[in-house]
PDB file of N, CA and C in Angstrom:
ATOM      1  N   MET A   1      78.072 172.048  66.254  1.00  0.00           N
ATOM      2  CA  MET A   1      77.008 172.865  66.864  1.00  0.00           C
ATOM      3  C   MET A   1      76.562 173.361  68.187  1.00  0.00           C
ATOM      4  N   ILE A   2      76.535 174.473  68.721  1.00  0.00           N
ATOM      5  CA  ILE A   2      76.162 174.781  70.263  1.00  0.00           C
ATOM      6  C   ILE A   2      74.939 175.213  70.649  1.00  0.00           C
ATOM      7  N   ARG A   3      74.104 174.420  71.400  1.00  0.00           N
ATOM      8  CA  ARG A   3      72.443 175.224  71.815  1.00  0.00           C
ATOM      9  C   ARG A   3      72.405 176.164  72.613  1.00  0.00           C
ATOM     10  N   PRO A   4      71.840 176.871  72.297  1.00  0.00           N
ATOM     11  CA  PRO A   4      71.294 177.858  72.978  1.00  0.00           C
ATOM     12  C   PRO A   4      71.089 177.761  74.692  1.00  0.00           C
ATOM     13  N   LEU A   5      71.234 178.884  75.569  1.00  0.00           N
ATOM     14  CA  LEU A   5      70.874 177.997  77.135  1.00  0.00           C
ATOM     15  C   LEU A   5      69.669 178.174  77.123  1.00  0.00           C
ATOM     16  N   ALA A   6      68.682 178.530  76.431  1.00  0.00           N
ATOM     17  CA  ALA A   6      67.255 177.997  76.810  1.00  0.00           C
ATOM     18  C   ALA A   6      66.740 176.606  76.502  1.00  0.00           C
ATOM     19  N   ALA A   7      67.447 176.258  75.739  1.00  0.00           N
ATOM     20  CA  ALA A   7      67.388 174.688  74.807  1.00  0.00           C
ATOM     21  C   ALA A   7      67.651 173.589  75.903  1.00  0.00           C
ATOM     22  N   LEU A   8      68.573 173.746  76.560  1.00  0.00           N
ATOM     23  CA  LEU A   8      69.448 173.186  77.802  1.00  0.00           C
ATOM     24  C   LEU A   8      68.185 173.804  78.860  1.00  0.00           C
ATOM     25  N   ALA A   9      67.875 174.327  79.326  1.00  0.00           N
ATOM     26  CA  ALA A   9      66.987 174.370  80.360  1.00  0.00           C
ATOM     27  C   ALA A   9      65.643 173.673  80.402  1.00  0.00           C
ATOM     28  N   ALA A  10      65.288 173.529  78.901  1.00  0.00           N
ATOM     29  CA  ALA A  10      63.846 173.391  78.546  1.00  0.00           C
ATOM     30  C   ALA A  10      63.683 171.625  78.691  1.00  0.00           C
ATOM     31  N   THR A  11      64.785 170.811  78.716  1.00  0.00           N
ATOM     32  CA  THR A  11      65.231 169.589  78.464  1.00  0.00           C
ATOM     33  C   THR A  11      64.719 169.004  80.370  1.00  0.00           C
ATOM     34  N   PRO A  12      63.548 167.883  79.938  1.00  0.00           N
ATOM     35  CA  PRO A  12      63.241 167.744  81.532  1.00  0.00           C
ATOM     36  C   PRO A  12      64.526 166.389  81.892  1.00  0.00           C
ATOM     37  N   ALA A  13      64.167 166.865  83.367  1.00  0.00           N
ATOM     38  CA  ALA A  13      65.043 165.926  83.857  1.00  0.00           C
ATOM     39  C   ALA A  13      64.129 164.561  84.023  1.00  0.00           C
ATOM     40  N   PRO A  14      65.126 163.092  83.870  1.00  0.00           N
ATOM     41  CA  PRO A  14      64.500 161.751  84.275  1.00  0.00           C
ATOM     42  C   PRO A  14      63.941 161.838  85.606  1.00  0.00           C
ATOM     43  N   THR A  15      63.140 161.280  85.336  1.00  0.00           N
ATOM     44  CA  THR A  15      61.885 160.906  86.941  1.00  0.00           C
ATOM     45  C   THR A  15      62.134 159.468  87.120  1.00  0.00           C
ATOM     46  N   ASP A  16      61.732 158.570  88.152  1.00  0.00           N
ATOM     47  CA  ASP A  16      62.311 157.888  88.638  1.00  0.00           C
ATOM     48  C   ASP A  16      60.764 156.560  88.242  1.00  0.00           C
ATOM     49  N   GLN A  17      60.508 156.097  87.002  1.00  0.00           N
ATOM     50  CA  GLN A  17      59.499 155.633  86.833  1.00  0.00           C
ATOM     51  C   GLN A  17      59.037 154.399  87.735  1.00  0.00           C
ATOM     52  N   VAL A  18      60.082 153.183  87.525  1.00  0.00           N
ATOM     53  CA  VAL A  18      60.015 152.133  88.193  1.00  0.00           C
ATOM     54  C   VAL A  18      60.527 152.262  90.274  1.00  0.00           C
ATOM     55  N   ASP A  19      59.236 151.473  90.595  1.00  0.00           N
ATOM     56  CA  ASP A  19      59.529 151.750  92.327  1.00  0.00           C
ATOM     57  C   ASP A  19      60.562 150.723  92.778  1.00  0.00           C
ATOM     58  N   PRO A  20      61.267 151.538  93.775  1.00  0.00           N
ATOM     59  CA  PRO A  20      62.689 150.387  93.627  1.00  0.00           C
ATOM     60  C   PRO A  20      62.609 149.008  94.711  1.00  0.00           C
ATOM     61  N   ASP A  21      61.187 149.044  95.608  1.00  0.00           N
ATOM     62  CA  ASP A  21      60.559 148.366  96.329  1.00  0.00           C
ATOM     63  C   ASP A  21      60.356 147.036  95.255  1.00  0.00           C
ATOM     64  N   LEU A  22      60.053 147.387  94.225  1.00  0.00           N
ATOM     65  CA  LEU A  22      60.024 145.983  92.994  1.00  0.00           C
ATOM     66  C   LEU A  22      61.035 145.653  92.856  1.00  0.00           C
ATOM     67  N   VAL A  23      62.081 146.142  91.871  1.00  0.00           N
ATOM     68  CA  VAL A  23      63.271 145.951  91.602  1.00  0.00           C
ATOM     69  C   VAL A  23      64.414 144.859  93.117  1.00  0.00           C
ATOM     70  N   THR A  24      63.748 144.930  93.983  1.00  0.00           N
ATOM     71  CA  THR A  24      65.280 144.248  95.155  1.00  0.00           C
ATOM     72  C   THR A  24      64.718 143.062  95.113  1.00  0.00           C
ATOM     73  N   PRO A  25      65.532 142.525  95.557  1.00  0.00           N
ATOM     74  CA  PRO A  25      65.254 140.497  95.623  1.00  0.00           C
ATOM     75  C   PRO A  25      64.070 140.554  96.856  1.00  0.00           C
ATOM     76  N   GLY A  26      64.394 141.078  97.716  1.00  0.00           N
ATOM     77  CA  GLY A  26      63.437 141.112  99.016  1.00  0.00           C
ATOM     78  C   GLY A  26      63.950 139.675  99.923  1.00  0.00           C
ATOM     79  N   PRO A  27      63.378 139.404 100.627  1.00  0.00           N
ATOM     80  CA  PRO A  27      63.535 138.276 101.859  1.00  0.00           C
ATOM     81  C   PRO A  27      63.451 136.898 100.979  1.00  0.00           C
ATOM     82  N   TRP A  28      62.684 136.527 100.075  1.00  0.00           N
ATOM     83  CA  TRP A  28      62.915 135.352  98.970  1.00  0.00           C
ATOM     84  C   TRP A  28      64.219 135.342  97.807  1.00  0.00           C
ATOM     85  N   GLY A  29      64.883 136.416  97.859  1.00  0.00           N
ATOM     86  CA  GLY A  29      66.262 136.195  96.737  1.00  0.00           C
ATOM     87  C   GLY A  29      66.938 136.235  97.548  1.00  0.00           C
ATOM     88  N   PHE A  30      67.092 136.603  99.123  1.00  0.00           N
ATOM     89  CA  PHE A  30      68.187 136.624  99.986  1.00  0.00           C
ATOM     90  C   PHE A  30      68.295 134.986  99.880  1.00  0.00           C
ATOM     91  N   ALA A  31      67.027 134.701 100.479  1.00  0.00           N
ATOM     92  CA  ALA A  31      66.888 133.145 101.186  1.00  0.00           C
ATOM     93  C   ALA A  31      67.623 132.014  99.882  1.00  0.00           C
ATOM     94  N   VAL A  32      67.089 132.265  98.289  1.00  0.00           N
ATOM     95  CA  VAL A  32      67.187 131.500  97.307  1.00  0.00           C
ATOM     96  C   VAL A  32      68.690 131.701  96.873  1.00  0.00           C
ATOM     97  N   ILE A  33      69.556 133.143  97.445  1.00  0.00           N
ATOM     98  CA  ILE A  33      70.991 132.749  97.200  1.00  0.00           C
ATOM     99  C   ILE A  33      71.412 132.411  98.152  1.00  0.00           C
ATOM    100  N   VAL A  34      71.299 132.542  99.334  1.00  0.00           N
ATOM    101  CA  VAL A  34      72.546 131.772 100.487  1.00  0.00           C
ATOM    102  C   VAL A  34      72.127 130.160 100.418  1.00  0.00           C
ATOM    103  N   PHE A  35      70.338 129.630  99.317  1.00  0.00           N
ATOM    104  CA  PHE A  35      70.316 127.870  99.635  1.00  0.00           C
ATOM    105  C   PHE A  35      71.724 127.777  98.516  1.00  0.00           C
ATOM    106  N   ILE A  36      71.575 128.826  97.359  1.00  0.00           N
ATOM    107  CA  ILE A  36      72.764 128.239  95.860  1.00  0.00           C
ATOM    108  C   ILE A  36      73.648 128.464  96.834  1.00  0.00           C
ATOM    109  N   THR A  37      74.060 129.279  97.654  1.00  0.00           N
ATOM    110  CA  THR A  37      75.792 129.113  98.464  1.00  0.00           C
ATOM    111  C   THR A  37      76.068 128.079  98.638  1.00  0.00           C
ATOM    112  N   ILE A  38      74.874 127.685  99.818  1.00  0.00           N
ATOM    113  CA  ILE A  38      75.390 126.581 100.947  1.00  0.00           C
ATOM    114  C   ILE A  38      75.895 125.241  99.873  1.00  0.00           C
ATOM    115  N   ALA A  39      74.947 125.085  98.841  1.00  0.00           N
ATOM    116  CA  ALA A  39      74.593 123.598  98.364  1.00  0.00           C
ATOM    117  C   ALA A  39      76.203 123.606  96.936  1.00  0.00           C
ATOM    118  N   VAL A  40      76.752 125.072  96.802  1.00  0.00           N
ATOM    119  CA  VAL A  40      77.396 124.819  96.062  1.00  0.00           C
ATOM    120  C   VAL A  40      78.995 124.735  96.740  1.00  0.00           C
ATOM    121  N   ILE A  41      79.079 124.722  98.091  1.00  0.00           N
ATOM    122  CA  ILE A  41      79.996 125.041  99.107  1.00  0.00           C
ATOM    123  C   ILE A  41      80.017 122.798  99.675  1.00  0.00           C
ATOM    124  N   LEU A  42      78.653 122.253  99.422  1.00  0.00           N
ATOM    125  CA  LEU A  42      78.481 121.161  99.810  1.00  0.00           C
ATOM    126  C   LEU A  42      79.393 120.187  98.637  1.00  0.00           C
ATOM    127  N   LEU A  43      78.531 120.794  97.710  1.00  0.00           N
ATOM    128  CA  LEU A  43      79.370 119.863  96.286  1.00  0.00           C
ATOM    129  C   LEU A  43      80.731 120.362  96.172  1.00  0.00           C
ATOM    130  N   VAL A  44      81.599 121.278  96.580  1.00  0.00           N
ATOM    131  CA  VAL A  44      82.946 121.676  96.175  1.00  0.00           C
ATOM    132  C   VAL A  44      83.579 120.451  96.943  1.00  0.00           C
ATOM    133  N   TRP A  45      82.836 120.639  98.768  1.00  0.00           N
ATOM    134  CA  TRP A  45      83.559 119.630  99.380  1.00  0.00           C
ATOM    135  C   TRP A  45      83.706 118.583  98.707  1.00  0.00           C
ATOM    136  N   ASP A  46      82.342 117.807  98.846  1.00  0.00           N
ATOM    137  CA  ASP A  46      82.027 116.327  98.227  1.00  0.00           C
ATOM    138  C   ASP A  46      83.197 116.344  97.106  1.00  0.00           C
ATOM    139  N   MET A  47      82.934 117.188  96.274  1.00  0.00           N
ATOM    140  CA  MET A  47      84.184 116.338  95.218  1.00  0.00           C
ATOM    141  C   MET A  47      85.610 116.283  95.656  1.00  0.00           C
ATOM    142  N   MET A  48      85.937 117.619  96.621  1.00  0.00           N
ATOM    143  CA  MET A  48      87.247 116.955  97.054  1.00  0.00           C
ATOM    144  C   MET A  48      87.723 116.077  97.999  1.00  0.00           C
ATOM    145  N   ARG A  49      86.705 115.711  98.400  1.00  0.00           N
ATOM    146  CA  ARG A  49      86.721 114.607  99.058  1.00  0.00           C
ATOM    147  C   ARG A  49      86.669 113.352  98.768  1.00  0.00           C
ATOM    148  N   ARG A  50      86.348 113.451  97.153  1.00  0.00           N
ATOM    149  CA  ARG A  50      86.014 111.763  96.504  1.00  0.00           C
ATOM    150  C   ARG A  50      87.690 112.173  95.131  1.00  0.00           C
ATOM    151  N   ILE A  51      87.910 113.128  94.904  1.00  0.00           N
ATOM    152  CA  ILE A  51      89.031 113.674  94.092  1.00  0.00           C
ATOM    153  C   ILE A  51      90.202 112.838  95.496  1.00  0.00           C
ATOM    154  N   ARG A  52      89.933 113.054  96.152  1.00  0.00           N
ATOM    155  CA  ARG A  52      91.055 112.668  97.370  1.00  0.00           C
ATOM    156  C   ARG A  52      91.490 111.311  97.709  1.00  0.00           C
ATOM    157  N   ARG A  53      90.329 110.748  97.799  1.00  0.00           N
ATOM    158  CA  ARG A  53      89.683 108.859  97.626  1.00  0.00           C
ATOM    159  C   ARG A  53      90.526 108.398  96.397  1.00  0.00           C
ATOM    160  N   GLY A  54      90.487 109.292  95.291  1.00  0.00           N
ATOM    161  CA  GLY A  54      90.764 108.408  93.935  1.00  0.00           C
ATOM    162  C   GLY A  54      92.404 108.635  94.265  1.00  0.00           C
ATOM    163  N   ARG A  55      93.019 109.820  94.598  1.00  0.00           N
ATOM    164  CA  ARG A  55      94.481 109.441  95.022  1.00  0.00           C
ATOM    165  C   ARG A  55      94.979 108.902  95.404  1.00  0.00           C
ATOM    166  N   VAL A  56      94.610 108.705  97.012  1.00  0.00           N
ATOM    167  CA  VAL A  56      95.125 107.445  97.553  1.00  0.00           C
ATOM    168  C   VAL A  56      95.129 106.189  97.123  1.00  0.00           C
ATOM    169  N   ARG A  57      93.835 105.879  96.513  1.00  0.00           N
ATOM    170  CA  ARG A  57      93.700 104.443  96.114  1.00  0.00           C
ATOM    171  C   ARG A  57      94.963 104.802  94.713  1.00  0.00           C
ATOM    172  N   ALA A  58      94.774 105.610  93.918  1.00  0.00           N
ATOM    173  CA  ALA A  58      95.731 105.531  92.720  1.00  0.00           C
ATOM    174  C   ALA A  58      97.564 104.927  93.458  1.00  0.00           C
ATOM    175  N   ASP A  59      97.242 105.699  94.137  1.00  0.00           N
ATOM    176  CA  ASP A  59      98.941 105.319  95.048  1.00  0.00           C
ATOM    177  C   ASP A  59      99.141 103.751  95.725  1.00  0.00           C
ATOM    178  N   ILE A  60      98.053 103.544  96.682  1.00  0.00           N
ATOM    179  CA  ILE A  60      97.903 102.449  96.804  1.00  0.00           C
ATOM    180  C   ILE A  60      98.079 100.847  95.173  1.00  0.00           C
ATOM    181  N   ASN A  61      97.260 101.377  94.328  1.00  0.00           N
ATOM    182  CA  ASN A  61      97.288 100.131  93.703  1.00  0.00           C
ATOM    183  C   ASN A  61      98.552 100.623  93.011  1.00  0.00           C
ATOM    184  N   GLU A  62      99.391 101.455  92.659  1.00  0.00           N
ATOM    185  CA  GLU A  62     101.211 101.419  92.213  1.00  0.00           C
ATOM    186  C   GLU A  62     102.173 101.172  93.358  1.00  0.00           C
ATOM    187  N   GLN A  63     101.934 101.039  94.948  1.00  0.00           N
ATOM    188  CA  GLN A  63     102.231 100.659  95.640  1.00  0.00           C
ATOM    189  C   GLN A  63     102.320  98.896  95.025  1.00  0.00           C
ATOM    190  N   LEU A  64     101.231  98.319  95.536  1.00  0.00           N
ATOM    191  CA  LEU A  64     101.102  96.928  95.425  1.00  0.00           C
ATOM    192  C   LEU A  64     101.957  96.417  93.778  1.00  0.00           C
ATOM    193  N   GLU A  65     101.817  97.121  93.259  1.00  0.00           N
ATOM    194  CA  GLU A  65     101.663  96.662  91.936  1.00  0.00           C
ATOM    195  C   GLU A  65     103.474  96.515  91.910  1.00  0.00           C
ATOM    196  N   ALA A  66     103.932  97.725  92.228  1.00  0.00           N
ATOM    197  CA  ALA A  66     105.263  97.360  92.394  1.00  0.00           C
ATOM    198  C   ALA A  66     105.825  96.618  93.338  1.00  0.00           C
ATOM    199  N   GLU A  67     105.370  96.142  94.210  1.00  0.00           N
ATOM    200  CA  GLU A  67     105.559  95.455  95.682  1.00  0.00           C
ATOM    201  C   GLU A  67     105.603  93.996  94.225  1.00  0.00           C
ATOM    202  N   GLU A  68     104.476  93.723  93.567  1.00  0.00           N
ATOM    203  CA  GLU A  68     104.042  92.233  92.683  1.00  0.00           C
ATOM    204  C   GLU A  68     105.330  92.369  91.983  1.00  0.00           C
ATOM    205  N   GLN A  69     106.158  93.376  91.279  1.00  0.00           N
ATOM    206  CA  GLN A  69     107.166  93.026  90.213  1.00  0.00           C
ATOM    207  C   GLN A  69     108.042  92.656  90.677  1.00  0.00           C
ATOM    208  N   ALA A  70     108.326  93.419  92.469  1.00  0.00           N
ATOM    209  CA  ALA A  70     109.660  93.147  92.533  1.00  0.00           C
ATOM    210  C   ALA A  70     109.529  91.543  92.897  1.00  0.00           C
ATOM    211  N   ALA A  71     108.184  90.904  93.350  1.00  0.00           N
ATOM    212  CA  ALA A  71     108.066  89.775  93.835  1.00  0.00           C
ATOM    213  C   ALA A  71     108.267  88.701  92.981  1.00  0.00           C
ATOM    214  N   ALA A  72     107.772  89.270  91.830  1.00  0.00           N
ATOM    215  CA  ALA A  72     107.933  88.778  90.565  1.00  0.00           C
ATOM    216  C   ALA A  72     109.610  88.202  90.100  1.00  0.00           C
ATOM    217  N   ALA A  73     109.943  89.662  90.352  1.00  0.00           N
ATOM    218  CA  ALA A  73     111.179  89.545  89.722  1.00  0.00           C
ATOM    219  C   ALA A  73     112.602  88.283  90.934  1.00  0.00           C
ATOM    220  N   THR A  74     112.200  88.911  92.093  1.00  0.00           N
ATOM    221  CA  THR A  74     112.447  87.708  93.445  1.00  0.00           C
ATOM    222  C   THR A  74     112.492  86.438  93.037  1.00  0.00           C
ATOM    223  N   ARG A  75     111.371  86.215  92.504  1.00  0.00           N
ATOM    224  CA  ARG A  75     111.060  84.682  92.061  1.00  0.00           C
ATOM    225  C   ARG A  75     111.546  83.804  90.604  1.00  0.00           C
ATOM    226  N   ALA A  76     112.171  85.483  90.162  1.00  0.00           N
ATOM    227  CA  ALA A  76     112.379  84.200  88.649  1.00  0.00           C
ATOM    228  C   ALA A  76     114.082  84.584  88.767  1.00  0.00           C
ATOM    229  N   THR A  77     114.896  85.077  90.355  1.00  0.00           N
ATOM    230  CA  THR A  77     116.384  85.103  90.666  1.00  0.00           C
ATOM    231  C   THR A  77     116.635  83.852  91.173  1.00  0.00           C
ATOM    232  N   GLU A  78     115.634  83.804  91.883  1.00  0.00           N
ATOM    233  CA  GLU A  78     115.623  82.381  92.331  1.00  0.00           C
ATOM    234  C   GLU A  78     115.715  81.371  91.870  1.00  0.00           C
ATOM    235  N   VAL A  79     114.678  81.285  91.075  1.00  0.00           N
ATOM    236  CA  VAL A  79     114.649  79.789  90.101  1.00  0.00           C
ATOM    237  C   VAL A  79     116.069  79.760  88.963  1.00  0.00           C
ATOM    238  N   ASP A  80     116.602  81.147  88.443  1.00  0.00           N
ATOM    239  CA  ASP A  80     118.156  80.943  88.116  1.00  0.00           C
ATOM    240  C   ASP A  80     118.948  80.657  88.635  1.00  0.00           C
ATOM    241  N   ASP A  81     118.896  81.110  89.600  1.00  0.00           N
ATOM    242  CA  ASP A  81     120.079  80.585  90.571  1.00  0.00           C
ATOM    243  C   ASP A  81     120.098  79.066  91.143  1.00  0.00           C
ATOM    244  N   GLU A  82     118.423  77.928  91.325  1.00  0.00           N
ATOM    245  CA  GLU A  82     119.048  76.685  91.706  1.00  0.00           C
ATOM    246  C   GLU A  82     118.929  76.194  90.751  1.00  0.00           C
ATOM    247  N   SER A  83     118.705  76.632  88.903  1.00  0.00           N
ATOM    248  CA  SER A  83     118.934  76.051  87.635  1.00  0.00           C
ATOM    249  C   SER A  83     120.663  76.191  87.513  1.00  0.00           C
ATOM    250  N   THR A  84     121.628  76.649  88.115  1.00  0.00           N
ATOM    251  CA  THR A  84     122.600  76.557  88.110  1.00  0.00           C
ATOM    252  C   THR A  84     123.484  75.795  88.835  1.00  0.00           C
ATOM    253  N   ASP A  85     124.858  75.048  89.269  1.00  0.00           N
ATOM    254  CA  ASP A  85     125.292  74.444  90.107  1.00  0.00           C
ATOM    255  C   ASP A  85     126.188  75.930  90.501  1.00  0.00           C
ATOM    256  N   ALA A  86     127.556  75.575  91.588  1.00  0.00           N
ATOM    257  CA  ALA A  86     128.371  75.896  92.272  1.00  0.00           C
ATOM    258  C   ALA A  86     128.981  76.471  91.403  1.00  0.00           C
ATOM    259  N   ALA A  87     129.606  75.539  90.135  1.00  0.00           N
ATOM    260  CA  ALA A  87     130.373  75.812  89.074  1.00  0.00           C
ATOM    261  C   ALA A  87     129.953  77.069  87.581  1.00  0.00           C
ATOM    262  N   GLY A  88     128.918  77.408  87.965  1.00  0.00           N
ATOM    263  CA  GLY A  88     128.260  78.188  87.097  1.00  0.00           C
ATOM    264  C   GLY A  88     127.646  77.397  85.956  1.00  0.00           C
ATOM    265  N   ASP A  89     127.630  75.984  85.669  1.00  0.00           N
ATOM    266  CA  ASP A  89     126.888  74.930  84.994  1.00  0.00           C
ATOM    267  C   ASP A  89     125.672  74.328  84.852  1.00  0.00           C
ATOM    268  N   ASP A  90     125.044  74.495  83.687  1.00  0.00           N
ATOM    269  CA  ASP A  90     123.222  73.950  84.224  1.00  0.00           C
ATOM    270  C   ASP A  90     123.628  72.627  84.526  1.00  0.00           C
ATOM    271  N   ARG A  91     122.424  72.425  85.469  1.00  0.00           N
ATOM    272  CA  ARG A  91     122.119  70.863  85.965  1.00  0.00           C
ATOM    273  C   ARG A  91     121.608  69.889  84.831  1.00  0.00           C
ATOM    274  N   THR A  92     121.446  70.334  83.793  1.00  0.00           N
ATOM    275  CA  THR A  92     120.502  69.503  82.759  1.00  0.00           C
ATOM    276  C   THR A  92     121.537  68.672  82.556  1.00  0.00           C
ATOM    277  N   SER A  93     123.081  68.187  82.512  1.00  0.00           N
ATOM    278  CA  SER A  93     123.556  67.175  81.796  1.00  0.00           C
ATOM    279  C   SER A  93     123.344  65.316  82.139  1.00  0.00           C
TER     280      SER A  93
END
């Protein structure tokens, strides 16, 4: 359905009913956003430091466990070598 031109002209234009100064964040809103941004940056920085420290500790623990296993294997080999004589027989004769 097509409206007549007179009906279109009679439609009132929307007016600003809200004061733009009341809906802007203002200086307090800016300060809160800056505070939140700084807090998030510091939290992420601390989290990354803790993750890095945990990874280093895990690597060191793995290295120590590998060294302990190698030492245990060496001790076991030395005990086996001592229990046999030059001919390869057991000493328990």
